[in-house]
Amino acid sequence: MKGNEKKQVPLRISATLWKELMAWAEDDFRSLNGQIEYLLNECVKKRKKTSAEGDDNEE
């Protein structure tokens, strides 16, 4: 995958979660898609950080 090329992913979520994400997206002035992408990116960053910290503690 090159640079900023985007892939489409079908996503099924509950109506309750959809409403919560929509409200959050509106609060952050993002589209629902933008909010989901933002949250996924934050989770990946956190996972990488946690993994790196775990590697440091193993020594």
Protein backbone atom coordinates (compact mmCIF):
# COMPACT_ATOMS: atom_id res chain seq x y z
CA MET A 1 0.00 0.00 0.00
CA LYS A 2 1.40 3.38 -0.99
CA GLY A 3 1.49 6.48 1.24
CA ASN A 4 -2.01 7.80 1.83
CA GLU A 5 -3.87 5.20 -0.21
CA LYS A 6 -7.08 4.35 1.65
CA LYS A 7 -8.72 0.95 1.88
CA GLN A 8 -12.44 0.43 2.36
CA VAL A 9 -13.61 -1.75 5.21
CA PRO A 10 -17.25 -2.67 5.70
CA LEU A 11 -18.15 -2.19 9.35
CA ARG A 12 -21.22 -3.34 11.23
CA ILE A 13 -21.84 -1.70 14.59
CA SER A 14 -24.84 -1.50 16.88
CA ALA A 15 -27.22 1.45 16.63
CA THR A 16 -26.23 2.46 20.16
CA LEU A 17 -22.52 2.56 19.33
CA TRP A 18 -23.27 4.42 16.09
CA LYS A 19 -25.16 7.12 18.02
CA GLU A 20 -22.35 7.47 20.56
CA LEU A 21 -19.70 7.73 17.84
CA MET A 22 -21.78 10.24 15.87
CA ALA A 23 -22.18 12.46 18.94
CA TRP A 24 -18.45 12.23 19.67
CA ALA A 25 -17.58 12.99 16.06
CA GLU A 26 -19.82 16.07 16.10
CA ASP A 27 -18.18 17.25 19.34
CA ASP A 28 -14.76 16.92 17.67
CA PHE A 29 -15.96 18.47 14.36
CA ARG A 30 -15.24 15.28 12.43
CA SER A 31 -17.25 13.02 10.16
CA LEU A 32 -18.14 9.61 11.57
CA ASN A 33 -15.61 8.01 9.23
CA GLY A 34 -12.96 10.53 10.30
CA GLN A 35 -13.71 9.87 13.97
CA ILE A 36 -13.41 6.11 13.56
CA GLU A 37 -10.13 6.50 11.66
CA TYR A 38 -8.82 8.89 14.34
CA LEU A 39 -9.73 6.48 17.16
CA LEU A 40 -8.14 3.52 15.38
CA ASN A 41 -4.94 5.51 14.80
CA GLU A 42 -4.82 6.48 18.49
CA CYS A 43 -5.27 2.86 19.54
CA VAL A 44 -2.46 1.72 17.25
CA LYS A 45 -0.14 4.44 18.62
CA LYS A 46 -0.99 3.44 22.20
CA ARG A 47 -0.39 -0.23 21.43
CA LYS A 48 3.00 0.53 19.89
CA LYS A 49 3.95 2.68 22.88
CA THR A 50 2.84 0.01 25.36
CA SER A 51 4.69 -2.67 23.41
CA ALA A 52 7.88 -0.60 23.34
CA GLU A 53 7.65 0.05 27.08
CA GLY A 54 7.16 -3.68 27.69
CA ASP A 55 10.30 -4.43 25.67
CA ASP A 56 12.29 -1.97 27.82
CA ASN A 57 11.15 -3.66 31.03
CA GLU A 58 12.28 -7.11 29.92
CA GLU A 59 15.98 -6.28 30.24
